[in-house]
N, C-alpha and C. Protein backbone atom coordinates (compact mmCIF):
# COMPACT_ATOMS: atom_id res chain seq x y z
N MET A 1 65.54 91.96 122.14
CA MET A 1 67.01 91.86 121.29
C MET A 1 67.09 89.97 121.61
N GLY A 2 67.62 89.65 120.44
CA GLY A 2 67.55 87.93 120.47
C GLY A 2 68.93 87.88 120.74
N GLN A 3 68.73 86.35 120.98
CA GLN A 3 70.28 85.58 121.25
C GLN A 3 71.39 85.74 120.26
N ALA A 4 70.77 85.90 119.09
CA ALA A 4 72.10 85.99 118.33
C ALA A 4 72.71 87.44 118.17
N GLU A 5 71.57 88.78 118.39
CA GLU A 5 72.04 89.83 118.10
C GLU A 5 73.04 90.15 119.99
N PHE A 6 72.14 89.53 120.57
CA PHE A 6 73.04 89.12 121.55
C PHE A 6 74.90 88.44 121.82
N THR A 7 74.61 88.19 120.77
CA THR A 7 75.99 86.89 120.88
C THR A 7 76.79 87.88 119.85
N CYS A 8 76.14 88.47 119.24
CA CYS A 8 77.13 89.19 117.88
C CYS A 8 77.91 90.45 118.70
N LEU A 9 76.93 91.49 119.54
CA LEU A 9 77.33 92.44 120.38
C LEU A 9 78.37 92.17 121.42
N ARG A 10 78.16 90.88 122.19
CA ARG A 10 79.37 90.26 122.91
C ARG A 10 80.52 90.26 121.90
N HIS A 11 80.40 89.81 120.87
CA HIS A 11 81.68 89.65 119.85
C HIS A 11 82.33 90.46 119.89
N ILE A 12 81.51 91.65 119.72
CA ILE A 12 81.55 93.30 118.58
C ILE A 12 82.70 93.25 120.13
N GLN A 13 81.77 93.45 121.20
CA GLN A 13 83.06 93.91 122.48
C GLN A 13 84.37 93.16 122.71
N LYS A 14 84.20 91.94 122.74
CA LYS A 14 85.38 91.01 122.58
C LYS A 14 86.63 91.68 121.62
N VAL A 15 86.85 91.83 120.47
CA VAL A 15 86.95 92.13 119.55
C VAL A 15 87.54 93.73 120.24
N ALA A 16 86.98 94.71 120.61
CA ALA A 16 86.88 96.30 120.47
C ALA A 16 88.16 95.98 121.75
N THR A 17 88.00 95.42 122.64
CA THR A 17 88.80 95.00 123.68
C THR A 17 89.96 94.60 123.89
N PHE A 18 89.91 93.83 122.76
CA PHE A 18 91.58 92.55 122.04
C PHE A 18 92.11 93.93 121.10
N VAL A 19 91.84 94.69 120.09
CA VAL A 19 91.88 95.79 119.85
C VAL A 19 93.04 97.38 120.20
N ASN A 20 91.73 97.46 121.52
CA ASN A 20 92.44 98.04 122.50
C ASN A 20 93.65 98.20 123.38
N ARG A 21 94.00 96.70 123.78
CA ARG A 21 95.01 95.66 124.25
C ARG A 21 95.92 96.10 123.10
N VAL A 22 95.91 95.53 121.69
CA VAL A 22 96.99 95.57 120.77
C VAL A 22 97.44 96.67 120.73
N ASN A 23 96.49 98.08 120.87
CA ASN A 23 96.86 99.50 120.44
C ASN A 23 97.96 100.17 121.99
N SER A 24 97.46 99.71 122.80
CA SER A 24 97.84 99.94 124.53
C SER A 24 99.48 99.44 124.13
N LYS A 25 99.48 97.73 123.77
CA LYS A 25 100.73 97.34 124.22
C LYS A 25 101.99 98.20 122.74
N LEU A 26 101.27 98.25 121.75
CA LEU A 26 101.98 99.01 120.72
C LEU A 26 102.48 100.32 121.05
N HIS A 27 101.64 100.99 121.42
CA HIS A 27 101.52 102.44 122.38
C HIS A 27 102.80 102.39 123.71
N ASN A 28 102.96 101.13 123.85
CA ASN A 28 103.65 101.20 125.34
C ASN A 28 105.41 100.80 124.74
N GLN A 29 105.24 100.07 123.37
CA GLN A 29 106.46 99.66 122.80
C GLN A 29 107.02 100.29 122.08
N GLU A 30 106.39 101.38 121.82
CA GLU A 30 106.92 102.76 121.03
C GLU A 30 107.48 103.74 122.11
N GLN A 31 106.27 104.00 122.56
CA GLN A 31 107.20 105.02 123.98
C GLN A 31 108.40 104.25 124.63
N GLU A 32 108.77 103.08 125.03
CA GLU A 32 110.08 101.93 125.54
C GLU A 32 110.97 102.38 124.19
N GLU A 33 110.74 102.50 122.65
CA GLU A 33 111.72 102.52 122.14
C GLU A 33 112.38 104.27 121.88
N ARG A 34 111.12 105.07 122.41
CA ARG A 34 111.75 106.70 122.03
C ARG A 34 112.70 106.78 123.07
N VAL A 35 112.53 106.50 124.46
CA VAL A 35 113.04 106.57 125.67
C VAL A 35 114.43 105.87 125.66
N ARG A 36 114.25 104.40 124.93
CA ARG A 36 115.73 103.44 124.83
C ARG A 36 116.41 105.14 123.75
N GLN A 37 115.95 105.27 122.42
CA GLN A 37 116.53 106.28 121.74
C GLN A 37 117.53 107.22 122.60
N ILE A 38 116.60 108.29 123.42
CA ILE A 38 116.90 109.05 123.82
C ILE A 38 118.06 108.64 125.51
N ASN A 39 118.00 107.54 125.57
CA ASN A 39 119.66 107.10 127.03
C ASN A 39 120.54 106.90 125.83
N ASP A 40 120.25 106.29 124.68
CA ASP A 40 121.51 106.14 124.14
C ASP A 40 122.27 107.34 123.74
N HIS A 41 121.62 108.29 123.54
CA HIS A 41 122.06 109.78 123.34
C HIS A 41 122.42 110.64 124.08
N ILE A 42 122.19 110.27 125.40
CA ILE A 42 122.52 111.34 126.74
C ILE A 42 123.78 110.62 127.28
N GLY A 43 124.75 112.25 127.54
CA GLY A 43 126.25 111.72 127.52
C GLY A 43 126.07 111.70 129.38
N PRO A 44 127.37 111.53 129.67
CA PRO A 44 127.09 111.77 131.09
C PRO A 44 127.03 112.60 131.55
N TYR A 45 126.50 113.15 132.93
CA TYR A 45 126.72 114.70 133.39
C TYR A 45 127.93 114.90 134.19
N GLU A 46 128.51 115.37 133.70
CA GLU A 46 130.03 116.12 134.44
C GLU A 46 129.76 117.40 135.32
N ASN A 47 130.67 117.53 136.08
CA ASN A 47 131.03 118.51 136.78
C ASN A 47 129.33 119.20 136.85
N VAL A 48 128.62 118.44 137.46
CA VAL A 48 127.36 118.67 138.30
C VAL A 48 127.14 118.24 139.70
N ILE A 49 126.77 119.14 140.60
CA ILE A 49 126.90 119.45 141.85
C ILE A 49 125.95 119.33 142.27
N ALA A 50 125.60 117.18 143.14
CA ALA A 50 124.50 117.66 143.43
C ALA A 50 124.37 117.90 145.18
N PRO A 51 123.24 118.50 145.83
CA PRO A 51 122.74 118.72 146.92
C PRO A 51 123.17 117.46 148.09
N PRO A 52 123.43 117.41 148.95
CA PRO A 52 123.47 116.03 149.32
C PRO A 52 122.19 115.18 149.81
N GLU A 53 120.98 116.48 149.80
CA GLU A 53 119.50 115.50 149.93
C GLU A 53 119.09 115.01 149.03
N LEU A 54 119.53 115.12 147.33
CA LEU A 54 119.55 114.91 146.18
C LEU A 54 120.36 113.19 145.49
N THR A 55 121.70 113.12 146.79
CA THR A 55 122.80 112.32 145.95
C THR A 55 121.80 110.94 146.38
N SER A 56 121.12 110.65 146.86
CA SER A 56 120.66 109.54 147.48
C SER A 56 119.56 109.16 146.14
N ILE A 57 118.99 110.23 145.68
CA ILE A 57 117.70 109.63 144.64
C ILE A 57 118.06 109.75 143.45
N LEU A 58 119.18 110.12 143.02
CA LEU A 58 119.98 110.54 141.75
C LEU A 58 120.77 109.30 141.44
N GLN A 59 121.51 108.50 142.68
CA GLN A 59 122.14 107.64 142.26
C GLN A 59 121.36 106.52 142.03
N GLU A 60 119.91 106.39 142.26
CA GLU A 60 118.93 106.18 141.67
C GLU A 60 118.59 105.91 140.12
N TYR A 61 118.88 106.79 139.49
CA TYR A 61 118.74 106.90 138.49
C TYR A 61 120.02 107.12 137.07
N ASN A 62 120.95 106.48 137.99
CA ASN A 62 122.38 106.31 136.87
C ASN A 62 122.35 104.62 136.85
N ARG A 63 123.07 105.03 135.34
CA ARG A 63 123.24 103.52 135.12
C ARG A 63 124.10 102.52 135.84
N ASP A 64 125.29 103.57 136.33
CA ASP A 64 126.06 102.68 137.30
C ASP A 64 126.52 103.91 137.81
N SER A 65 127.18 103.49 139.55
CA SER A 65 127.57 104.48 140.10
C SER A 65 128.95 104.83 139.31
N MET A 66 129.62 104.28 139.13
CA MET A 66 130.74 104.66 138.49
C MET A 66 130.73 106.12 137.66
N SER A 67 129.63 105.82 136.82
CA SER A 67 129.96 106.40 135.41
C SER A 67 129.13 107.67 134.90
N ASN A 68 128.35 108.40 136.06
CA ASN A 68 127.54 108.91 136.08
C ASN A 68 126.78 109.69 134.77
N ARG A 69 125.72 108.12 134.29
CA ARG A 69 125.49 108.12 133.33
C ARG A 69 123.39 108.27 133.49
N LEU A 70 122.52 108.60 133.29
CA LEU A 70 121.53 108.23 133.66
C LEU A 70 120.79 107.07 132.79
N ASN A 71 120.24 106.26 133.44
CA ASN A 71 119.29 104.91 132.99
C ASN A 71 117.94 105.04 132.80
N LEU A 72 117.77 105.78 131.86
CA LEU A 72 116.23 105.77 131.85
C LEU A 72 115.41 104.60 131.05
N LEU A 73 115.94 104.05 131.25
CA LEU A 73 115.47 102.35 131.18
C LEU A 73 114.78 101.47 132.54
N GLU A 74 115.37 102.24 133.39
CA GLU A 74 114.88 101.29 134.91
C GLU A 74 113.70 102.05 135.23
N ASP A 75 112.79 101.14 135.98
CA ASP A 75 111.75 102.00 136.81
C ASP A 75 111.82 103.09 137.69
N MET A 76 110.83 104.11 137.52
CA MET A 76 111.33 104.92 137.99
C MET A 76 111.53 105.47 139.40
N PRO A 77 112.39 105.74 140.28
CA PRO A 77 111.96 106.05 141.37
C PRO A 77 110.93 106.89 141.99
N LEU A 78 110.81 106.02 143.47
CA LEU A 78 109.33 106.54 144.22
C LEU A 78 108.19 106.35 143.26
N HIS A 79 108.33 105.81 142.36
CA HIS A 79 106.84 105.15 141.88
C HIS A 79 106.24 103.56 142.19
N VAL A 80 105.46 103.79 140.95
CA VAL A 80 105.33 101.79 141.55
C VAL A 80 105.47 100.93 140.49
N ARG A 81 106.46 100.21 141.34
CA ARG A 81 107.86 99.20 140.47
C ARG A 81 106.65 98.52 138.99
N GLY A 82 107.56 98.64 138.14
CA GLY A 82 107.09 98.00 136.58
C GLY A 82 106.51 99.22 136.06
N TYR A 83 106.38 100.74 136.87
CA TYR A 83 105.61 101.60 135.43
C TYR A 83 106.73 102.21 135.26
N ARG A 84 106.56 102.60 134.12
CA ARG A 84 107.92 102.69 132.76
C ARG A 84 107.74 103.95 133.06
N ARG A 85 108.80 104.86 132.83
CA ARG A 85 109.42 106.38 132.15
C ARG A 85 108.69 106.31 131.35
N GLN A 86 107.94 107.55 130.59
CA GLN A 86 107.27 107.87 129.53
C GLN A 86 107.63 109.39 128.69
N ILE A 87 107.95 109.97 127.50
CA ILE A 87 108.29 110.75 127.25
C ILE A 87 106.75 111.57 126.81
N ILE A 88 106.68 113.07 127.26
CA ILE A 88 105.83 113.45 127.34
C ILE A 88 106.29 114.33 126.40
N GLN A 89 106.56 115.41 126.45
CA GLN A 89 107.14 116.35 125.30
C GLN A 89 108.83 116.61 125.66
N GLN A 90 109.29 116.48 124.14
CA GLN A 90 111.20 117.62 123.84
C GLN A 90 110.87 118.46 122.96
N GLY A 91 111.54 118.80 123.26
CA GLY A 91 112.36 120.19 121.93
C GLY A 91 113.04 120.82 123.13
N PRO A 92 113.61 122.10 121.54
CA PRO A 92 114.89 122.98 121.81
C PRO A 92 113.82 124.11 122.70
N MET A 93 114.78 124.39 123.42
CA MET A 93 114.27 125.95 124.07
C MET A 93 115.46 126.79 124.45
N LYS A 94 114.77 128.18 124.67
CA LYS A 94 116.25 128.98 124.99
C LYS A 94 116.58 129.45 126.55
N MET A 95 117.43 128.80 127.63
CA MET A 95 117.66 129.22 128.51
C MET A 95 118.21 130.29 129.30
N LYS A 96 117.67 131.19 129.70
CA LYS A 96 118.37 132.55 130.06
C LYS A 96 118.30 132.64 131.33
N ASP A 97 119.94 133.13 132.07
CA ASP A 97 119.47 133.36 133.23
C ASP A 97 119.65 134.76 133.32
N ALA A 98 120.49 135.14 134.15
CA ALA A 98 120.91 136.94 134.55
C ALA A 98 121.96 137.14 133.48
N LYS A 99 122.71 136.27 133.32
CA LYS A 99 123.91 137.01 132.36
C LYS A 99 123.88 136.59 130.98
N ASN A 100 123.37 135.20 130.54
CA ASN A 100 123.24 134.95 129.16
C ASN A 100 122.33 134.16 129.26
N SER A 101 121.97 133.94 127.93
CA SER A 101 121.10 132.56 127.68
C SER A 101 121.82 131.64 126.31
N GLN A 102 121.28 130.67 126.16
CA GLN A 102 121.96 129.11 125.76
C GLN A 102 120.84 128.34 125.51
N ASP A 103 120.81 127.93 123.99
CA ASP A 103 120.15 126.74 123.46
C ASP A 103 120.16 125.62 124.02
N VAL A 104 119.50 125.05 124.23
CA VAL A 104 119.05 123.84 125.17
C VAL A 104 118.25 122.85 124.27
N TYR A 105 118.31 121.28 124.46
CA TYR A 105 117.23 120.77 124.13
C TYR A 105 116.74 120.18 125.55
N CYS A 106 115.50 120.22 126.06
CA CYS A 106 114.74 119.59 127.08
C CYS A 106 114.08 118.85 126.96
N TYR A 107 113.61 117.50 127.52
CA TYR A 107 113.06 116.26 128.26
C TYR A 107 111.84 116.52 129.12
N LEU A 108 110.67 115.98 128.66
CA LEU A 108 110.14 116.31 129.92
C LEU A 108 109.44 114.88 129.99
N PHE A 109 109.94 114.01 130.77
CA PHE A 109 109.74 112.73 130.84
C PHE A 109 107.90 112.41 131.87
N SER A 110 107.30 111.51 132.01
CA SER A 110 106.25 111.43 133.05
C SER A 110 107.09 111.43 134.42
N ASP A 111 108.27 111.33 134.95
CA ASP A 111 108.78 111.36 136.44
C ASP A 111 109.54 112.70 135.86
N MET A 112 110.43 113.45 135.58
CA MET A 112 111.71 114.35 135.36
C MET A 112 111.64 114.84 133.85
N PHE A 113 112.11 116.46 134.32
CA PHE A 113 112.79 116.76 133.58
C PHE A 113 114.04 117.48 133.48
N LEU A 114 114.30 117.09 131.99
CA LEU A 114 115.90 116.94 131.91
C LEU A 114 116.66 118.33 131.21
N ILE A 115 117.51 119.17 131.30
CA ILE A 115 118.18 119.88 130.34
C ILE A 115 119.41 119.46 129.97
N THR A 116 119.79 119.50 128.46
CA THR A 116 120.77 118.94 127.91
C THR A 116 121.44 120.37 126.90
N LYS A 117 122.24 120.13 126.70
CA LYS A 117 123.08 120.82 125.67
C LYS A 117 123.37 119.84 124.28
N CYS A 118 122.70 120.21 123.58
CA CYS A 118 123.62 119.10 122.01
C CYS A 118 124.86 118.88 122.20
N GLY A 119 125.61 118.04 121.59
CA GLY A 119 127.11 117.83 122.08
C GLY A 119 127.35 117.59 120.55
N LYS A 120 129.05 117.20 120.38
CA LYS A 120 129.43 117.24 118.81
C LYS A 120 128.69 116.15 118.53
N ARG A 121 129.38 116.08 117.33
CA ARG A 121 128.89 114.94 116.39
C ARG A 121 130.32 113.84 116.28
N SER A 122 130.36 112.59 116.31
CA SER A 122 131.30 112.31 116.33
C SER A 122 131.60 111.65 115.25
N GLY A 123 130.95 111.68 113.85
CA GLY A 123 130.35 111.02 112.97
C GLY A 123 129.81 111.44 111.96
N SER A 124 129.81 111.15 110.15
CA SER A 124 129.43 112.24 109.42
C SER A 124 127.90 111.88 109.23
N THR A 125 127.68 110.55 109.87
CA THR A 125 126.33 110.33 109.57
C THR A 125 125.19 110.61 111.19
N ALA A 126 125.76 111.43 111.58
CA ALA A 126 124.34 111.80 112.95
C ALA A 126 123.43 112.52 112.07
N THR A 127 122.18 112.00 112.88
CA THR A 127 121.15 112.25 112.45
C THR A 127 120.52 113.80 113.64
N SER A 128 119.78 114.40 113.40
CA SER A 128 119.43 115.43 113.89
C SER A 128 118.17 114.56 115.02
N LEU A 129 118.52 115.56 116.52
CA LEU A 129 117.36 115.07 117.08
C LEU A 129 115.75 114.95 117.12
N SER A 130 115.94 116.05 115.66
CA SER A 130 114.09 115.95 115.36
C SER A 130 113.86 114.64 114.38
N SER A 131 114.80 114.68 113.72
CA SER A 131 114.48 113.16 113.00
C SER A 131 114.60 111.94 113.95
N MET A 132 115.45 111.87 115.08
CA MET A 132 115.55 111.12 115.81
C MET A 132 114.42 110.46 116.26
N THR A 133 113.60 111.82 116.82
CA THR A 133 111.98 111.98 118.21
C THR A 133 111.14 111.58 117.34
N ASN A 134 111.02 111.64 116.20
CA ASN A 134 110.01 111.72 115.16
C ASN A 134 109.93 110.14 113.97
N ASP A 135 111.17 110.44 114.22
CA ASP A 135 110.94 108.69 113.21
C ASP A 135 111.55 107.19 114.34
N ALA A 136 110.38 106.51 114.43
CA ALA A 136 110.43 105.54 115.48
C ALA A 136 110.99 104.33 115.03
N GLN A 137 111.15 104.84 113.61
CA GLN A 137 111.66 103.25 112.94
C GLN A 137 112.96 103.82 112.75
N SER A 138 113.39 104.56 113.13
CA SER A 138 114.87 104.91 112.60
C SER A 138 115.68 104.04 112.97
N ASN A 139 117.40 104.09 112.63
CA ASN A 139 118.43 103.11 113.13
C ASN A 139 118.73 103.66 114.32
N ARG A 140 118.83 102.79 115.33
CA ARG A 140 119.57 103.16 116.38
C ARG A 140 121.02 103.74 116.73
N GLY A 141 121.79 102.64 115.53
CA GLY A 141 123.38 103.12 115.56
C GLY A 141 123.75 103.72 114.88
N THR A 142 123.05 104.52 114.21
CA THR A 142 123.50 105.53 112.34
C THR A 142 123.88 106.53 113.46
N SER A 143 123.53 107.26 114.81
CA SER A 143 123.63 108.45 114.88
C SER A 143 124.76 108.53 116.32
N ASN A 144 125.59 109.07 116.30
CA ASN A 144 126.73 109.40 117.63
C ASN A 144 126.82 110.27 118.29
N LEU A 145 125.29 111.19 117.53
CA LEU A 145 125.11 112.43 118.44
C LEU A 145 124.72 112.31 119.94
N SER A 146 125.15 112.91 121.32
CA SER A 146 125.29 113.29 122.44
C SER A 146 125.34 114.25 123.01
N ASN A 147 124.20 114.29 123.96
CA ASN A 147 123.89 115.35 124.63
C ASN A 147 124.29 115.72 126.16
N LYS A 148 125.06 116.93 126.06
CA LYS A 148 125.48 117.00 127.64
C LYS A 148 124.14 117.45 128.30
N ILE A 149 124.20 116.71 129.90
CA ILE A 149 123.24 117.30 130.34
C ILE A 149 123.85 118.65 131.25
N LEU A 150 123.07 119.51 131.52
CA LEU A 150 123.17 120.60 131.88
C LEU A 150 123.22 120.49 133.32
N LYS A 151 122.04 120.42 133.64
CA LYS A 151 121.70 120.70 135.13
C LYS A 151 120.77 118.95 135.70
N LEU A 152 121.23 118.80 136.86
CA LEU A 152 120.50 117.69 137.43
C LEU A 152 119.10 117.59 136.62
N PRO A 153 118.62 115.95 136.58
CA PRO A 153 117.47 115.94 136.09
C PRO A 153 116.69 116.62 137.79
N ILE A 154 115.32 117.09 137.52
CA ILE A 154 114.12 117.86 137.96
C ILE A 154 112.92 116.91 137.96
N ARG A 155 113.05 116.44 139.39
CA ARG A 155 111.53 115.96 139.09
C ARG A 155 109.98 116.52 139.37
N ILE A 156 109.07 116.15 138.69
CA ILE A 156 107.96 116.50 138.43
C ILE A 156 107.83 117.04 139.41
N ASP A 157 107.42 116.74 140.85
CA ASP A 157 106.67 116.93 141.60
C ASP A 157 107.22 118.45 142.29
N ARG A 158 108.50 118.50 141.86
CA ARG A 158 109.24 120.02 142.74
C ARG A 158 109.13 120.87 141.74
N ILE A 159 108.34 120.93 140.49
CA ILE A 159 108.28 121.89 140.11
C ILE A 159 106.36 123.07 139.99
N ASN A 160 107.30 124.05 140.18
CA ASN A 160 106.38 124.92 140.54
C ASN A 160 106.09 125.58 138.53
N VAL A 161 104.80 125.56 137.90
CA VAL A 161 104.91 125.98 136.63
C VAL A 161 103.95 127.11 136.84
N ARG A 162 104.19 128.52 136.57
CA ARG A 162 103.56 130.03 136.28
C ARG A 162 103.56 130.24 134.95
N GLU A 163 102.39 130.99 134.37
CA GLU A 163 102.53 131.93 133.20
C GLU A 163 103.45 132.88 133.08
N TYR A 164 104.19 132.89 132.12
CA TYR A 164 105.39 133.96 131.51
C TYR A 164 104.52 135.34 131.61
N ASP A 165 105.06 136.32 131.94
CA ASP A 165 104.38 137.74 131.72
C ASP A 165 105.25 138.65 131.10
N ARG A 166 104.98 138.61 129.82
CA ARG A 166 106.59 139.21 128.99
C ARG A 166 106.85 140.73 129.37
N ARG A 167 106.10 141.41 130.33
CA ARG A 167 106.27 142.19 130.27
C ARG A 167 107.51 142.35 131.66
N GLY A 168 108.19 140.92 131.78
CA GLY A 168 109.34 141.02 132.79
C GLY A 168 108.83 140.51 134.21
N GLY A 169 107.89 140.12 135.12
CA GLY A 169 107.39 140.02 136.06
C GLY A 169 106.78 138.83 135.98
N SER A 170 106.42 137.86 136.41
CA SER A 170 105.75 136.79 136.98
C SER A 170 104.56 137.27 137.01
N SER A 171 103.13 136.20 136.64
CA SER A 171 101.77 137.03 136.58
C SER A 171 101.41 136.12 137.69
N ASN A 172 101.77 135.81 138.65
CA ASN A 172 101.61 135.38 139.91
C ASN A 172 102.61 135.76 140.76
N SER A 173 101.75 136.55 141.83
CA SER A 173 101.98 137.37 143.05
C SER A 173 102.96 136.16 144.12
N ASN A 174 102.94 135.28 144.24
CA ASN A 174 103.53 134.40 145.32
C ASN A 174 105.54 134.50 144.80
N THR A 175 106.10 134.37 145.70
CA THR A 175 107.31 134.11 145.63
C THR A 175 108.16 133.04 145.61
N GLU A 176 107.57 132.21 145.33
CA GLU A 176 108.01 130.96 145.34
C GLU A 176 108.73 130.65 143.92
N PRO A 177 110.42 129.92 144.70
CA PRO A 177 111.22 129.90 142.76
C PRO A 177 110.44 129.08 141.95
N SER A 178 110.51 128.79 140.83
CA SER A 178 109.86 128.47 139.48
C SER A 178 111.28 127.93 138.54
N ILE A 179 110.97 127.56 138.16
CA ILE A 179 111.60 126.88 136.68
C ILE A 179 111.18 127.67 135.39
């Protein structure tokens, strides 16, 4: 391989590295905007009682201690400083308990699972959650939709996932509580 070919390959590598950095930065900005949009649409969590051992952790998520509003834009508690929360998946679900079921909208973040109920629209220009999440270029100020938090945020490291058995039981024989 000649010097010219080697130089050409080095330049191609540098360009590829540069493009990867730009793509990564763009992806991070898009994720941050999606989290910001979700943060703007999450209302305060009222009438949710936290166990004493979770109160200190929950306070780290609060926008401020008086409003009981989550601040999804802050660094994640219990993680390396500077590591930002990312939205992994979101969408409507049916939440069932022993007596009834209700439609909920869930958010799976890189550090927590959040269950909300779609609140009232306070304006006629409100957009749906699906259009808010699918259109990264949407105007942030046009929607007055507020989701009410139904349950405290559930830390990802506390979730036990098992396959659902449609016959009525769990396909796993262990008796640990699961979500």
